Protein backbone atom coordinates (compact mmCIF):
# COMPACT_ATOMS: atom_id res chain seq x y z
CA MET A 1 -46.06 37.90 30.93
CA ARG A 2 -46.18 35.01 28.48
CA SER A 3 -44.71 37.15 25.70
CA GLU A 4 -41.53 37.85 23.81
CA ARG A 5 -40.54 40.22 26.63
CA GLY A 6 -40.49 37.15 28.87
CA ASN A 7 -38.14 35.52 26.35
CA TYR A 8 -35.61 38.30 26.84
CA LEU A 9 -35.75 38.17 30.63
CA GLY A 10 -35.59 34.38 30.69
CA ALA A 11 -32.60 34.35 28.36
CA TYR A 12 -30.83 36.99 30.46
CA PHE A 13 -31.24 35.09 33.72
CA SER A 14 -30.30 31.79 32.09
CA TRP A 15 -27.08 33.34 30.77
CA LEU A 16 -26.39 35.02 34.12
CA MET A 17 -26.57 31.73 36.02
CA ASP A 18 -24.67 29.93 33.27
CA SER A 19 -21.92 32.49 33.81
CA TYR A 20 -21.98 31.88 37.55
CA ASP A 21 -21.22 28.23 36.83
CA LEU A 22 -18.40 29.11 34.44
CA GLY A 23 -17.09 31.77 36.82
CA ALA A 24 -16.95 29.23 39.64
CA VAL A 25 -14.40 27.24 37.64
CA VAL A 26 -12.38 30.35 36.74
CA ILE A 27 -12.19 31.89 40.21
CA THR A 28 -11.31 28.57 41.85
CA ALA A 29 -8.85 27.50 39.14
CA SER A 30 -5.79 27.93 41.35
CA VAL A 31 -7.53 26.08 44.20
CA LEU A 32 -8.79 23.25 41.98
CA GLY A 33 -5.27 22.86 40.64
CA ARG A 34 -3.97 22.29 44.17
CA ILE A 35 -6.53 19.66 45.14
CA PHE A 36 -7.05 17.81 41.84
CA PHE A 37 -3.75 18.31 39.93
CA PRO A 38 -1.23 18.95 42.75
CA THR A 39 1.80 17.68 40.81
CA LEU A 40 1.35 19.92 37.75
CA GLY A 41 1.96 23.41 39.15
CA GLN A 42 0.59 26.29 37.03
CA LEU A 43 -0.55 23.81 34.38
CA GLY A 44 -2.84 22.19 36.94
CA ALA A 45 -4.41 25.57 37.65
CA VAL A 46 -5.38 26.18 34.02
CA LEU A 47 -6.54 22.65 33.16
CA PRO A 48 -10.02 22.98 34.76
CA ILE A 49 -10.60 26.10 32.64
CA VAL A 50 -9.26 24.48 29.48
CA PHE A 51 -11.44 21.39 29.90
CA THR A 52 -14.50 23.58 30.42
CA VAL A 53 -14.04 25.60 27.24
CA VAL A 54 -12.69 23.10 24.70
CA SER A 55 -16.00 21.22 24.55
CA ARG A 56 -18.07 24.37 24.05
CA PRO A 57 -17.90 24.18 20.21
CA LEU A 58 -19.68 20.81 20.30
CA GLY A 59 -22.40 22.23 22.54
CA GLY A 60 -22.84 25.31 20.37
CA LEU A 61 -23.24 23.22 17.23
CA LEU A 62 -25.41 20.48 18.75
CA PHE A 63 -27.86 22.65 20.69
CA GLY A 64 -27.84 25.36 18.03
CA TYR A 65 -29.07 22.76 15.57
CA VAL A 66 -31.72 21.62 18.07
CA ALA A 67 -32.84 25.24 18.54
CA ASP A 68 -33.13 25.79 14.77
CA ILE A 69 -35.00 22.54 14.12
CA ARG A 70 -37.08 22.03 17.28
CA GLY A 71 -37.30 25.52 18.74
CA ARG A 72 -35.46 27.91 21.03
CA LYS A 73 -37.47 26.94 24.13
CA LEU A 74 -36.49 23.25 24.17
CA ALA A 75 -32.79 24.01 23.73
CA LEU A 76 -32.93 26.59 26.54
CA LEU A 77 -34.46 24.09 28.96
CA LEU A 78 -32.04 21.27 28.16
CA THR A 79 -28.94 23.42 28.52
CA VAL A 80 -30.01 25.00 31.83
CA ILE A 81 -30.62 21.58 33.38
CA GLY A 82 -27.38 20.21 31.92
CA TYR A 83 -24.95 22.83 33.17
CA SER A 84 -26.65 22.97 36.58
CA ALA A 85 -26.35 19.21 37.06
CA SER A 86 -22.70 19.09 36.00
CA ILE A 87 -21.59 21.81 38.40
CA GLY A 88 -23.57 20.22 41.24
CA LEU A 89 -21.87 16.88 40.66
CA THR A 90 -18.48 18.63 40.67
CA ALA A 91 -19.16 19.69 44.28
CA LEU A 92 -19.44 16.03 45.30
CA LEU A 93 -16.13 14.83 43.86
CA PRO A 94 -13.40 13.34 46.07
CA THR A 95 -10.03 15.09 45.76
CA TYR A 96 -6.66 13.81 44.57
CA TYR A 97 -5.58 13.31 48.16
CA GLN A 98 -8.56 11.01 48.74
CA VAL A 99 -8.64 8.80 45.63
CA GLY A 100 -5.66 9.87 43.52
CA LEU A 101 -5.78 10.11 39.74
CA VAL A 102 -9.44 9.04 39.59
CA SER A 103 -10.44 12.44 41.00
CA ALA A 104 -8.54 14.32 38.30
CA ILE A 105 -10.18 12.22 35.56
CA ALA A 106 -13.66 12.69 37.05
CA LEU A 107 -13.20 16.47 37.30
CA SER A 108 -11.95 16.61 33.71
CA VAL A 109 -14.97 14.66 32.43
CA LEU A 110 -17.45 16.87 34.30
CA ARG A 111 -15.71 20.00 33.02
CA LEU A 112 -16.03 18.71 29.46
CA VAL A 113 -19.72 17.93 29.99
CA GLN A 114 -20.37 21.34 31.49
CA GLY A 115 -18.65 22.97 28.54
CA VAL A 116 -21.05 21.25 26.15
CA PHE A 117 -24.09 22.64 27.97
CA ILE A 118 -22.59 26.13 28.43
CA GLY A 119 -21.86 26.22 24.71
CA GLY A 120 -25.43 25.15 24.01
CA ASP A 121 -26.89 27.83 26.24
CA VAL A 122 -25.39 30.54 24.03
CA SER A 123 -27.24 29.15 21.01
CA SER A 124 -30.64 29.38 22.65
CA SER A 125 -30.34 32.30 25.07
CA PHE A 126 -28.64 34.79 22.72
CA THR A 127 -30.87 33.87 19.80
CA ILE A 128 -34.22 33.95 21.58
CA ALA A 129 -33.30 37.25 23.26
CA MET A 130 -32.25 39.03 20.07
CA GLU A 131 -35.18 37.67 18.07
CA SER A 132 -37.57 39.04 20.69
CA VAL A 133 -36.53 42.70 20.69
CA ARG A 134 -37.44 45.35 18.13
CA ARG A 135 -35.46 48.43 19.09
CA ARG A 136 -32.15 49.25 20.76
CA ARG A 137 -30.82 45.80 19.96
CA GLY A 138 -27.23 46.89 20.54
CA PHE A 139 -27.95 48.20 24.02
CA LEU A 140 -30.12 45.20 24.89
CA SER A 141 -27.36 42.98 23.52
CA SER A 142 -24.93 44.56 25.96
CA ILE A 143 -27.29 43.89 28.86
CA VAL A 144 -27.46 40.20 27.92
CA GLN A 145 -23.70 39.99 27.49
CA SER A 146 -23.12 41.84 30.76
CA GLY A 147 -25.04 39.01 32.42
CA THR A 148 -21.74 37.18 32.10
CA LEU A 149 -20.10 39.72 34.40
CA VAL A 150 -23.06 39.81 36.79
CA GLY A 151 -22.73 36.04 37.15
CA PHE A 152 -19.00 36.43 37.70
CA VAL A 153 -19.58 39.14 40.31
CA LEU A 154 -21.94 36.85 42.22
CA VAL A 155 -19.45 34.01 42.22
CA ASP A 156 -16.53 36.35 43.03
CA PHE A 157 -18.42 37.73 46.04
CA SER A 158 -19.24 34.22 47.23
CA PHE A 159 -15.60 33.20 46.74
CA ILE A 160 -14.34 36.13 48.82
CA ARG A 161 -16.67 35.31 51.68
CA LEU A 162 -15.95 31.58 51.64
CA SER A 163 -12.18 31.73 51.09
CA SER A 164 -11.39 34.01 54.04
CA ASN A 165 -10.71 30.81 55.99
CA LEU A 166 -8.34 29.16 53.50
CA PRO A 167 -7.87 25.74 55.20
CA TRP A 168 -11.66 25.33 55.49
CA PHE A 169 -12.14 26.51 51.90
CA LEU A 170 -9.60 24.00 50.55
CA ASP A 171 -11.34 21.27 52.53
CA CYS A 172 -15.02 21.91 51.82
CA GLY A 173 -15.77 25.60 51.16
CA TRP A 174 -15.16 25.25 47.42
CA ARG A 175 -17.88 22.58 47.37
CA LEU A 176 -20.48 25.02 48.67
CA LEU A 177 -19.52 27.49 45.95
CA PHE A 178 -20.27 24.84 43.32
CA LEU A 179 -23.45 23.58 44.99
CA LEU A 180 -24.92 27.07 44.72
CA GLY A 181 -24.60 26.68 40.97
CA MET A 182 -27.45 24.16 40.98
CA ILE A 183 -29.97 26.96 41.55
CA PRO A 184 -30.62 27.31 37.79
CA ALA A 185 -31.99 23.76 37.67
CA VAL A 186 -34.74 24.88 40.05
CA LEU A 187 -35.44 27.88 37.81
CA ALA A 188 -35.48 25.86 34.58
CA VAL A 189 -39.19 25.03 34.68
CA PHE A 190 -39.98 28.69 35.39
CA ILE A 191 -37.87 29.85 32.47
CA ARG A 192 -39.50 27.30 30.17
CA SER A 193 -43.04 28.19 31.22
CA TYR A 194 -42.67 31.87 30.33
CA ALA A 195 -40.89 31.42 27.01
CA VAL A 196 -42.64 31.56 23.65
CA GLU A 197 -41.17 30.94 20.23
CA PRO A 198 -40.35 34.32 18.65
CA LYS A 199 -42.56 35.36 15.75
CA VAL A 200 -39.57 35.71 13.47
CA TYR A 201 -38.65 32.08 14.19
CA LEU A 202 -42.19 30.78 13.58
CA GLU A 203 -42.28 32.56 10.20
CA ARG A 204 -38.81 31.42 9.10
CA GLU A 205 -37.93 29.66 5.86
CA ARG A 206 -38.00 25.90 6.40
CA LEU A 207 -34.50 25.19 5.17
CA PRO A 208 -31.76 22.99 6.70
CA PRO A 209 -29.72 25.05 9.21
CA LEU A 210 -26.41 24.08 7.66
CA LYS A 211 -27.36 25.84 4.40
CA GLY A 212 -27.25 29.28 6.03
CA LEU A 213 -23.79 29.23 7.57
CA SER A 214 -21.80 31.05 4.88
CA PRO A 215 -20.75 33.91 7.26
CA ILE A 216 -19.27 31.42 9.74
CA TYR A 217 -15.64 31.86 8.67
CA GLN A 218 -15.70 35.59 9.28
CA THR A 219 -17.67 35.40 12.55
CA LEU A 220 -15.39 32.65 13.82
CA LEU A 221 -12.35 34.83 13.20
CA VAL A 222 -13.92 37.66 15.21
CA MET A 223 -14.74 35.37 18.10
CA VAL A 224 -11.36 33.63 18.11
CA GLY A 225 -9.84 37.06 18.55
CA PHE A 226 -12.28 38.12 21.24
CA TRP A 227 -11.77 34.94 23.26
CA LEU A 228 -8.00 34.88 22.98
CA ALA A 229 -8.06 38.37 24.50
CA ILE A 230 -10.61 37.54 27.20
CA TYR A 231 -8.82 34.35 28.30
CA ALA A 232 -5.49 36.16 28.36
CA GLY A 233 -7.14 39.02 30.26
CA PRO A 234 -9.90 38.85 32.89
CA GLN A 235 -10.29 35.05 32.70
CA TYR A 236 -6.57 34.67 33.35
CA LEU A 237 -6.46 36.98 36.36
CA PRO A 238 -7.15 34.34 39.07
CA VAL A 239 -4.29 32.19 37.76
CA PHE A 240 -2.06 35.25 37.22
CA PHE A 241 -2.62 36.69 40.68
CA GLY A 242 -2.64 33.31 42.42
CA ASP A 243 0.25 31.51 40.72
CA VAL A 244 2.40 34.26 39.16
CA ILE A 245 2.06 37.08 41.69
CA GLY A 246 1.42 34.75 44.64
CA LEU A 247 -1.54 36.54 46.23
CA ARG A 248 -3.88 34.76 48.64
CA PRO A 249 -7.33 33.75 47.28
CA VAL A 250 -9.21 36.24 49.43
CA VAL A 251 -6.97 39.04 48.10
CA TYR A 252 -7.12 38.25 44.40
CA GLY A 253 -10.82 37.50 44.76
CA HIS A 254 -11.38 41.19 45.51
CA LEU A 255 -9.28 42.22 42.50
CA VAL A 256 -11.16 39.95 40.10
CA LEU A 257 -14.43 41.23 41.55
CA LEU A 258 -13.38 44.82 40.79
CA ALA A 259 -12.39 43.94 37.22
CA ASN A 260 -15.77 42.32 36.59
CA LEU A 261 -17.76 45.08 38.26
CA ILE A 262 -16.19 47.85 36.19
CA GLY A 263 -16.75 45.79 33.06
CA ILE A 264 -20.54 46.01 33.40
CA PRO A 265 -20.86 49.78 32.70
CA ALA A 266 -18.20 49.40 30.00
CA MET A 267 -20.39 46.88 28.18
CA LEU A 268 -23.51 49.00 28.56
CA LEU A 269 -21.69 52.05 27.17
CA SER A 270 -20.38 50.05 24.24
CA GLY A 271 -23.78 48.52 23.44
CA PHE A 272 -25.41 51.96 23.57
CA ALA A 273 -22.81 53.34 21.16
CA SER A 274 -23.31 50.47 18.73
CA ASP A 275 -26.92 51.55 18.11
CA TYR A 276 -25.57 54.82 16.67
CA VAL A 277 -22.15 54.20 15.13
CA GLY A 278 -22.65 50.53 14.29
CA ARG A 279 -21.54 47.16 15.60
CA ARG A 280 -18.41 46.89 13.48
CA THR A 281 -17.01 50.31 14.41
CA THR A 282 -17.81 49.86 18.09
CA GLY A 283 -16.18 46.43 18.13
CA ALA A 284 -13.04 47.54 16.28
CA VAL A 285 -12.48 50.64 18.43
CA GLY A 286 -13.19 48.65 21.59
CA THR A 287 -10.70 45.98 20.53
CA ALA A 288 -7.93 48.55 20.08
CA ALA A 289 -8.69 50.09 23.47
CA ALA A 290 -8.66 46.65 25.10
CA ALA A 291 -5.23 45.85 23.63
CA LEU A 292 -3.80 49.07 25.03
CA GLY A 293 -5.26 48.23 28.44
CA ALA A 294 -3.67 44.78 28.43
CA LEU A 295 -0.25 46.09 27.39
CA MET A 296 -0.41 48.67 30.16
CA PHE A 297 -1.40 46.09 32.77
CA TYR A 298 1.03 43.30 31.94
CA VAL A 299 4.03 45.15 30.50
CA ALA A 300 3.99 48.74 31.75
CA VAL A 301 2.95 48.18 35.37
CA LYS A 302 3.77 44.44 35.73
CA GLY A 303 0.36 43.37 36.98
CA SER A 304 -0.04 46.09 39.59
CA PRO A 305 -3.33 45.49 41.44
CA ALA A 306 -4.23 49.18 41.02
CA ALA A 307 -4.33 48.74 37.24
CA VAL A 308 -6.99 46.03 37.36
CA ILE A 309 -9.81 48.61 37.14
CA PRO A 310 -8.79 50.20 33.80
CA LEU A 311 -8.02 46.70 32.49
CA GLY A 312 -11.49 45.47 33.44
CA PHE A 313 -13.15 48.48 31.80
CA LEU A 314 -11.24 48.45 28.51
CA VAL A 315 -11.20 44.69 28.00
CA ASN A 316 -14.98 44.43 28.14
CA LEU A 317 -15.76 47.15 25.60
CA PRO A 318 -15.74 45.04 22.41
CA LEU A 319 -17.53 41.92 23.70
CA ALA A 320 -20.81 43.78 24.36
CA ILE A 321 -21.84 43.67 20.70
CA THR A 322 -21.64 39.90 20.26
CA PRO A 323 -25.28 38.78 20.83
CA ALA A 324 -26.61 41.42 18.42
CA TYR A 325 -23.78 41.22 15.90
CA LEU A 326 -23.80 37.43 15.58
CA SER A 327 -27.61 37.25 15.45
CA GLU A 328 -27.66 39.87 12.70
CA ARG A 329 -25.14 37.93 10.59
CA PHE A 330 -27.26 34.78 10.16
CA ARG A 331 -30.64 34.05 8.60
CA THR A 332 -33.37 32.82 10.95
CA PHE A 333 -33.42 29.17 9.88
CA SER A 334 -29.72 28.83 10.77
CA ARG A 335 -29.32 31.59 13.36
CA ALA A 336 -28.98 29.49 16.53
CA THR A 337 -26.47 27.15 14.86
CA GLY A 338 -24.49 30.08 13.47
CA VAL A 339 -24.52 32.07 16.71
CA GLY A 340 -23.77 29.03 18.86
CA PHE A 341 -20.89 27.74 16.78
CA SER A 342 -19.39 31.18 16.12
CA TYR A 343 -19.37 32.07 19.80
CA ASN A 344 -18.13 28.67 20.95
CA GLY A 345 -16.31 27.27 17.93
CA ALA A 346 -13.68 29.90 18.57
CA PHE A 347 -12.57 27.85 21.57
CA ILE A 348 -11.08 25.28 19.21
CA VAL A 349 -8.22 27.78 19.19
CA ALA A 350 -8.89 30.15 22.08
CA GLY A 351 -9.64 27.34 24.52
CA PHE A 352 -5.92 26.71 24.68
CA SER A 353 -4.97 30.34 25.28
CA GLN A 354 -3.88 29.76 28.86
CA LEU A 355 -1.76 26.79 27.80
CA MET A 356 -0.23 29.12 25.21
CA ILE A 357 0.55 31.59 27.99
CA ALA A 358 2.07 28.87 30.17
CA GLY A 359 4.31 27.76 27.29
CA LEU A 360 5.29 31.29 26.24
CA SER A 361 6.07 32.23 29.83
CA LYS A 362 9.11 29.99 29.73
CA ALA A 363 10.49 31.89 26.75
CA VAL A 364 9.47 35.52 27.33
CA GLY A 365 8.45 35.62 30.98
CA PRO A 366 5.10 35.56 32.83
CA PHE A 367 4.28 39.22 32.13
CA VAL A 368 5.00 39.44 28.41
CA ALA A 369 3.38 36.08 27.59
CA PRO A 370 -0.26 37.05 28.37
CA ALA A 371 0.28 40.40 26.63
CA VAL A 372 1.43 38.60 23.46
CA VAL A 373 -1.60 36.28 23.42
CA PHE A 374 -3.94 39.19 24.17
CA SER A 375 -2.46 41.31 21.39
CA ALA A 376 -2.72 38.46 18.88
CA GLY A 377 -6.39 38.08 19.77
CA SER A 378 -7.02 41.79 19.33
CA ILE A 379 -5.46 41.79 15.85
CA LEU A 380 -7.55 38.80 14.75
CA ALA A 381 -10.78 40.28 16.11
CA ALA A 382 -10.23 43.64 14.40
CA ALA A 383 -9.35 41.92 11.11
CA GLY A 384 -12.47 39.76 11.31
CA LEU A 385 -14.73 42.72 11.99
CA LEU A 386 -13.30 44.71 9.09
CA MET A 387 -13.78 41.74 6.74
CA GLY A 388 -17.52 41.62 7.45
CA PRO A 389 -20.39 44.03 6.79
CA GLU A 390 -21.96 46.52 9.16
CA THR A 391 -25.09 44.85 10.57
CA LEU A 392 -26.78 47.76 12.34
CA ARG A 393 -29.21 48.40 9.48
CA GLY A 394 -28.22 45.78 6.94
CA GLY A 395 -28.24 42.61 9.01
CA GLU A 396 -30.26 39.43 8.51
CA LEU A 397 -32.38 39.84 11.67
CA LYS A 398 -35.38 42.03 11.06
CA VAL A 399 -38.19 42.03 13.67
CA GLU A 400 -41.37 43.88 12.72
């Protein structure tokens, strides 16, 4: 199995477990806010998420450069070990009620560190996966991207089971949820042993990675839009249901689980379509559908739990194309840097989306605010896609 097929599987499972680690922070955001930032209210609930995503651009750039210069395999190994260690250490932290402000600082530092490694994982996992497939890249792209939701589903299910006893969960159950995130560290050697450098990478032009980043402005605009929408949509749901609606963790855990579950077939459908109608068209149509879903959920039905299923389906339609689309926009010698920084550099803006929502909520209310941020993201993503070329048959990634 030491082949490029193994590259794809290894990248998929790496991204899946990476997403478990990120999902653990998202689903427990309201809980972490209570025990690490108890004096900050809703702001304390979003800070763990913000700290995790704002450092992702650095990771995407740093490990993307490593992957372009030293190889995809090395970057994949380093990032898996890094994000696994940071989430494991999070489980061992004392809370605010035990050591005061020191706990909040320690959590913030570990979230920043984890963000660096999560950002780096995109550079290696997306790139090695897309460089290792020859046909149906759009559909296979959607499978990789849906690994995000599979990871979220795993952590959501664990959260539901553990949070049924809320006092116990606030005391130590959340720690178990994070400790489970160390499993990827055990798998890192396995992933590394079955990976090979893709042929297209071995035969690349030997040019500095920074010389091939001319599409970065357009791809960044697309990803800023995508992430503003995602972090005002499904990634905001735990905070929305927990702090705005006031549902118990075990209740909103089920709702978030449903939103993520329905998103998986949505991504697969979208990826399949992109192999026929193109990445740009699929992304633009999906973005418009996602915006309508968000407006319905937040404005029309005021966050009704029943509407979480159509929201989860529509919101995930456009994101399925990203591994293929970004990989096809950059030449091989700069692909990991371009993919990593495009996907993660967007968080320079989108990483603050939930702070934007918190600020806007004071002016326009807690239902309109996320809809405004989501809609702004949708407009930016559609504009970015229309500015760029169709990559289905004219992209830079050609595997023979």
